[in-house]
């Protein structure tokens, strides 16, 4: 059963084709088997990309596994995939927002240091994109601990959990 999709702009039935599609998002990616719709009347175009979050995960894993220095657009893609603003990403890595900007700048980029690049690659490969994140809790690790601070763990339902700081 073929479903006729009408143009949202003018209401004319759209023509559908399946083929390759160049997906930018700051990096050059070619997708195959993508449905593209075009209105023959007004020229409006729609692209149907199924499971886009999964696509972004696969792209980020491919970038993270690629050898060689990360390129500025790849750094930006990974940062945004992970859900960080440039300011929060800078705070997470302990650098200035200007440094992140220089890493992501296409003309005359500053190379990302090896430790920061390794961390970004690990986050992209083994972490999940942040929908929300508690940056204050992450940055708390930068504060000086008291000498009496200890962790207390307990078992809840067979699993170990942090119950409190002592």
C-alpha atoms as a PDB file:
ATOM      1  CA  UNK A   1       0.000   0.000   0.000  1.00  0.00           C
ATOM      2  CA  UNK A   2       1.492   3.310  -1.099  1.00  0.00           C
ATOM      3  CA  UNK A   3       0.743   6.337   1.028  1.00  0.00           C
ATOM      4  CA  UNK A   4       0.551   9.641  -0.792  1.00  0.00           C
ATOM      5  CA  UNK A   5       2.273  12.392   1.143  1.00  0.00           C
ATOM      6  CA  UNK A   6       1.144  15.933   0.439  1.00  0.00           C
ATOM      7  CA  UNK A   7       3.386  18.971   0.492  1.00  0.00           C
ATOM      8  CA  UNK A   8       3.015  20.977   3.685  1.00  0.00           C
ATOM      9  CA  UNK A   9       3.521  24.213   1.743  1.00  0.00           C
ATOM     10  CA  UNK A  10       1.062  23.839  -1.135  1.00  0.00           C
ATOM     11  CA  UNK A  11      -0.823  20.544  -0.655  1.00  0.00           C
ATOM     12  CA  UNK A  12       0.391  18.935  -3.903  1.00  0.00           C
ATOM     13  CA  UNK A  13       1.225  15.192  -3.727  1.00  0.00           C
ATOM     14  CA  UNK A  14       4.981  14.787  -3.350  1.00  0.00           C
ATOM     15  CA  UNK A  15       7.189  12.593  -5.550  1.00  0.00           C
ATOM     16  CA  UNK A  16       9.226  10.039  -3.596  1.00  0.00           C
ATOM     17  CA  UNK A  17      12.598   8.541  -4.490  1.00  0.00           C
ATOM     18  CA  UNK A  18      15.040   6.271  -2.661  1.00  0.00           C
ATOM     19  CA  UNK A  19      18.769   6.783  -3.018  1.00  0.00           C
ATOM     20  CA  UNK A  20      21.927   8.309  -1.576  1.00  0.00           C
ATOM     21  CA  UNK A  21      21.745  11.457   0.536  1.00  0.00           C
ATOM     22  CA  UNK A  22      24.622  13.675   1.697  1.00  0.00           C
ATOM     23  CA  UNK A  23      24.072  14.278   5.408  1.00  0.00           C
ATOM     24  CA  UNK A  24      26.161  17.202   6.619  1.00  0.00           C
ATOM     25  CA  UNK A  25      25.820  18.023  10.316  1.00  0.00           C
ATOM     26  CA  UNK A  26      29.273  19.576  10.100  1.00  0.00           C
ATOM     27  CA  UNK A  27      30.934  16.434   8.764  1.00  0.00           C
ATOM     28  CA  UNK A  28      30.659  14.758   5.384  1.00  0.00           C
ATOM     29  CA  UNK A  29      28.499  11.617   5.576  1.00  0.00           C
ATOM     30  CA  UNK A  30      26.859   9.810   2.665  1.00  0.00           C
ATOM     31  CA  UNK A  31      23.762   7.775   3.547  1.00  0.00           C
ATOM     32  CA  UNK A  32      22.376   5.124   1.200  1.00  0.00           C
ATOM     33  CA  UNK A  33      18.766   4.030   0.807  1.00  0.00           C
ATOM     34  CA  UNK A  34      17.250   7.276   2.055  1.00  0.00           C
ATOM     35  CA  UNK A  35      13.729   8.350   1.138  1.00  0.00           C
ATOM     36  CA  UNK A  36      13.562  11.838  -0.341  1.00  0.00           C
ATOM     37  CA  UNK A  37      10.312  13.608  -1.148  1.00  0.00           C
ATOM     38  CA  UNK A  38      10.014  16.547  -3.537  1.00  0.00           C
ATOM     39  CA  UNK A  39       7.013  18.656  -4.435  1.00  0.00           C
ATOM     40  CA  UNK A  40       6.766  19.055  -8.223  1.00  0.00           C
ATOM     41  CA  UNK A  41       4.717  22.242  -7.771  1.00  0.00           C
ATOM     42  CA  UNK A  42       6.674  24.409  -5.317  1.00  0.00           C
ATOM     43  CA  UNK A  43       9.991  22.494  -5.047  1.00  0.00           C
ATOM     44  CA  UNK A  44       9.717  21.826  -1.278  1.00  0.00           C
ATOM     45  CA  UNK A  45      11.896  18.882  -0.224  1.00  0.00           C
ATOM     46  CA  UNK A  46      11.719  16.465   2.715  1.00  0.00           C
ATOM     47  CA  UNK A  47      14.204  13.808   3.734  1.00  0.00           C
ATOM     48  CA  UNK A  48      13.185  10.802   5.833  1.00  0.00           C
ATOM     49  CA  UNK A  49      16.039   9.594   8.031  1.00  0.00           C
ATOM     50  CA  UNK A  50      14.880   6.762  10.291  1.00  0.00           C
ATOM     51  CA  UNK A  51      16.414   6.206  13.732  1.00  0.00           C
ATOM     52  CA  UNK A  52      18.419   9.443  13.655  1.00  0.00           C
ATOM     53  CA  UNK A  53      19.726   9.027  17.222  1.00  0.00           C
ATOM     54  CA  UNK A  54      21.080   5.613  16.262  1.00  0.00           C
ATOM     55  CA  UNK A  55      22.665   7.161  13.164  1.00  0.00           C
ATOM     56  CA  UNK A  56      24.393   9.798  15.307  1.00  0.00           C
ATOM     57  CA  UNK A  57      25.649   7.074  17.671  1.00  0.00           C
ATOM     58  CA  UNK A  58      27.106   5.088  14.758  1.00  0.00           C
ATOM     59  CA  UNK A  59      28.726   8.219  13.277  1.00  0.00           C
ATOM     60  CA  UNK A  60      30.240   9.194  16.632  1.00  0.00           C
ATOM     61  CA  UNK A  61      31.641   5.686  17.153  1.00  0.00           C
ATOM     62  CA  UNK A  62      33.180   5.752  13.667  1.00  0.00           C
ATOM     63  CA  UNK A  63      34.807   9.124  14.343  1.00  0.00           C
ATOM     64  CA  UNK A  64      36.102   7.973  17.726  1.00  0.00           C
ATOM     65  CA  UNK A  65      37.646   4.801  16.220  1.00  0.00           C
ATOM     66  CA  UNK A  66      39.262   6.602  13.289  1.00  0.00           C
ATOM     67  CA  UNK A  67      43.027   6.939  13.548  1.00  0.00           C
ATOM     68  CA  UNK A  68      44.779  10.272  13.328  1.00  0.00           C
ATOM     69  CA  UNK A  69      44.129  13.631  14.928  1.00  0.00           C
ATOM     70  CA  UNK A  70      40.478  14.604  15.299  1.00  0.00           C
ATOM     71  CA  UNK A  71      39.441  17.310  12.873  1.00  0.00           C
ATOM     72  CA  UNK A  72      37.712  20.493  14.091  1.00  0.00           C
ATOM     73  CA  UNK A  73      34.315  19.482  12.680  1.00  0.00           C
ATOM     74  CA  UNK A  74      34.636  16.026  14.237  1.00  0.00           C
ATOM     75  CA  UNK A  75      35.361  17.546  17.660  1.00  0.00           C
ATOM     76  CA  UNK A  76      32.279  19.743  17.336  1.00  0.00           C
ATOM     77  CA  UNK A  77      30.126  16.806  16.174  1.00  0.00           C
ATOM     78  CA  UNK A  78      31.243  14.640  19.111  1.00  0.00           C
ATOM     79  CA  UNK A  79      30.742  17.464  21.629  1.00  0.00           C
ATOM     80  CA  UNK A  80      27.233  18.204  20.398  1.00  0.00           C
ATOM     81  CA  UNK A  81      26.414  14.472  20.090  1.00  0.00           C
ATOM     82  CA  UNK A  82      27.337  14.101  23.760  1.00  0.00           C
ATOM     83  CA  UNK A  83      25.019  17.013  24.586  1.00  0.00           C
ATOM     84  CA  UNK A  84      27.522  19.561  25.888  1.00  0.00           C
ATOM     85  CA  UNK A  85      27.541  23.273  25.209  1.00  0.00           C
ATOM     86  CA  UNK A  86      31.002  24.597  24.411  1.00  0.00           C
ATOM     87  CA  UNK A  87      31.180  26.319  27.819  1.00  0.00           C
ATOM     88  CA  UNK A  88      30.167  23.191  29.751  1.00  0.00           C
ATOM     89  CA  UNK A  89      32.504  21.049  27.647  1.00  0.00           C
ATOM     90  CA  UNK A  90      35.350  23.440  28.462  1.00  0.00           C
ATOM     91  CA  UNK A  91      34.518  23.213  32.178  1.00  0.00           C
ATOM     92  CA  UNK A  92      34.379  19.416  31.980  1.00  0.00           C
ATOM     93  CA  UNK A  93      37.859  19.262  30.417  1.00  0.00           C
ATOM     94  CA  UNK A  94      39.329  22.017  32.583  1.00  0.00           C
ATOM     95  CA  UNK A  95      40.064  24.382  29.689  1.00  0.00           C
ATOM     96  CA  UNK A  96      38.669  27.751  28.664  1.00  0.00           C
ATOM     97  CA  UNK A  97      35.722  28.128  26.270  1.00  0.00           C
ATOM     98  CA  UNK A  98      38.147  29.933  23.933  1.00  0.00           C
ATOM     99  CA  UNK A  99      40.290  26.792  23.784  1.00  0.00           C
ATOM    100  CA  UNK A 100      37.274  24.704  22.749  1.00  0.00           C
ATOM    101  CA  UNK A 101      36.488  27.342  20.124  1.00  0.00           C
ATOM    102  CA  UNK A 102      40.048  27.093  18.758  1.00  0.00           C
ATOM    103  CA  UNK A 103      39.791  23.270  18.607  1.00  0.00           C
ATOM    104  CA  UNK A 104      36.575  23.532  16.588  1.00  0.00           C
ATOM    105  CA  UNK A 105      37.610  26.402  14.325  1.00  0.00           C
ATOM    106  CA  UNK A 106      37.944  25.277  10.706  1.00  0.00           C
ATOM    107  CA  UNK A 107      40.534  27.880   9.707  1.00  0.00           C
ATOM    108  CA  UNK A 108      43.774  27.690  11.705  1.00  0.00           C
ATOM    109  CA  UNK A 109      42.557  25.238  14.366  1.00  0.00           C
ATOM    110  CA  UNK A 110      44.517  24.572  17.534  1.00  0.00           C
ATOM    111  CA  UNK A 111      45.245  20.878  17.987  1.00  0.00           C
ATOM    112  CA  UNK A 112      43.461  19.240  20.862  1.00  0.00           C
ATOM    113  CA  UNK A 113      45.863  17.803  23.428  1.00  0.00           C
ATOM    114  CA  UNK A 114      46.231  14.017  23.524  1.00  0.00           C
ATOM    115  CA  UNK A 115      44.624  13.538  26.985  1.00  0.00           C
ATOM    116  CA  UNK A 116      41.589  15.661  26.053  1.00  0.00           C
ATOM    117  CA  UNK A 117      41.264  13.902  22.695  1.00  0.00           C
ATOM    118  CA  UNK A 118      41.454  10.463  24.315  1.00  0.00           C
ATOM    119  CA  UNK A 119      38.771  11.446  26.810  1.00  0.00           C
ATOM    120  CA  UNK A 120      36.507  12.761  24.047  1.00  0.00           C
ATOM    121  CA  UNK A 121      36.986   9.545  22.050  1.00  0.00           C
ATOM    122  CA  UNK A 122      36.185   7.433  25.139  1.00  0.00           C
ATOM    123  CA  UNK A 123      33.082   9.474  25.926  1.00  0.00           C
ATOM    124  CA  UNK A 124      31.901   9.095  22.330  1.00  0.00           C
ATOM    125  CA  UNK A 125      32.527   5.351  22.185  1.00  0.00           C
ATOM    126  CA  UNK A 126      31.518   4.193  25.640  1.00  0.00           C
ATOM    127  CA  UNK A 127      29.309   6.940  27.039  1.00  0.00           C
ATOM    128  CA  UNK A 128      25.787   7.937  26.202  1.00  0.00           C
ATOM    129  CA  UNK A 129      24.661  11.339  25.015  1.00  0.00           C
ATOM    130  CA  UNK A 130      23.629  13.525  27.921  1.00  0.00           C
ATOM    131  CA  UNK A 131      20.020  14.545  27.946  1.00  0.00           C
ATOM    132  CA  UNK A 132      20.713  16.418  31.154  1.00  0.00           C
ATOM    133  CA  UNK A 133      23.836  16.450  33.242  1.00  0.00           C
ATOM    134  CA  UNK A 134      24.852  17.769  36.613  1.00  0.00           C
ATOM    135  CA  UNK A 135      27.950  19.784  35.789  1.00  0.00           C
ATOM    136  CA  UNK A 136      28.244  20.949  39.397  1.00  0.00           C
ATOM    137  CA  UNK A 137      28.656  17.333  40.535  1.00  0.00           C
ATOM    138  CA  UNK A 138      31.315  16.747  37.885  1.00  0.00           C
ATOM    139  CA  UNK A 139      33.189  19.907  38.848  1.00  0.00           C
ATOM    140  CA  UNK A 140      32.920  19.024  42.553  1.00  0.00           C
ATOM    141  CA  UNK A 141      35.790  16.619  41.928  1.00  0.00           C
ATOM    142  CA  UNK A 142      38.022  19.699  41.539  1.00  0.00           C
ATOM    143  CA  UNK A 143      37.414  20.810  45.130  1.00  0.00           C
ATOM    144  CA  UNK A 144      39.812  19.839  47.893  1.00  0.00           C
ATOM    145  CA  UNK A 145      38.445  16.945  49.985  1.00  0.00           C
ATOM    146  CA  UNK A 146      38.447  17.067  53.762  1.00  0.00           C
ATOM    147  CA  UNK A 147      40.803  14.637  55.449  1.00  0.00           C
ATOM    148  CA  UNK A 148      37.928  12.840  57.201  1.00  0.00           C
ATOM    149  CA  UNK A 149      35.916  12.249  54.030  1.00  0.00           C
ATOM    150  CA  UNK A 150      35.177   8.601  53.287  1.00  0.00           C
ATOM    151  CA  UNK A 151      32.666   6.663  51.242  1.00  0.00           C
ATOM    152  CA  UNK A 152      30.064   4.376  52.799  1.00  0.00           C
ATOM    153  CA  UNK A 153      28.466   1.675  50.682  1.00  0.00           C
ATOM    154  CA  UNK A 154      25.571  -0.631  51.434  1.00  0.00           C
ATOM    155  CA  UNK A 155      23.802  -3.428  49.628  1.00  0.00           C
ATOM    156  CA  UNK A 156      20.290  -2.711  48.452  1.00  0.00           C
ATOM    157  CA  UNK A 157      18.475  -5.598  46.840  1.00  0.00           C
ATOM    158  CA  UNK A 158      21.750  -7.399  46.182  1.00  0.00           C
ATOM    159  CA  UNK A 159      23.445  -4.415  44.468  1.00  0.00           C
ATOM    160  CA  UNK A 160      26.070  -2.167  45.997  1.00  0.00           C
ATOM    161  CA  UNK A 161      25.106   1.494  46.341  1.00  0.00           C
ATOM    162  CA  UNK A 162      26.798   4.587  47.711  1.00  0.00           C
ATOM    163  CA  UNK A 163      24.819   5.385  50.836  1.00  0.00           C
ATOM    164  CA  UNK A 164      26.632   8.522  51.988  1.00  0.00           C
ATOM    165  CA  UNK A 165      29.885  10.371  52.365  1.00  0.00           C
ATOM    166  CA  UNK A 166      31.285  10.173  55.895  1.00  0.00           C
END
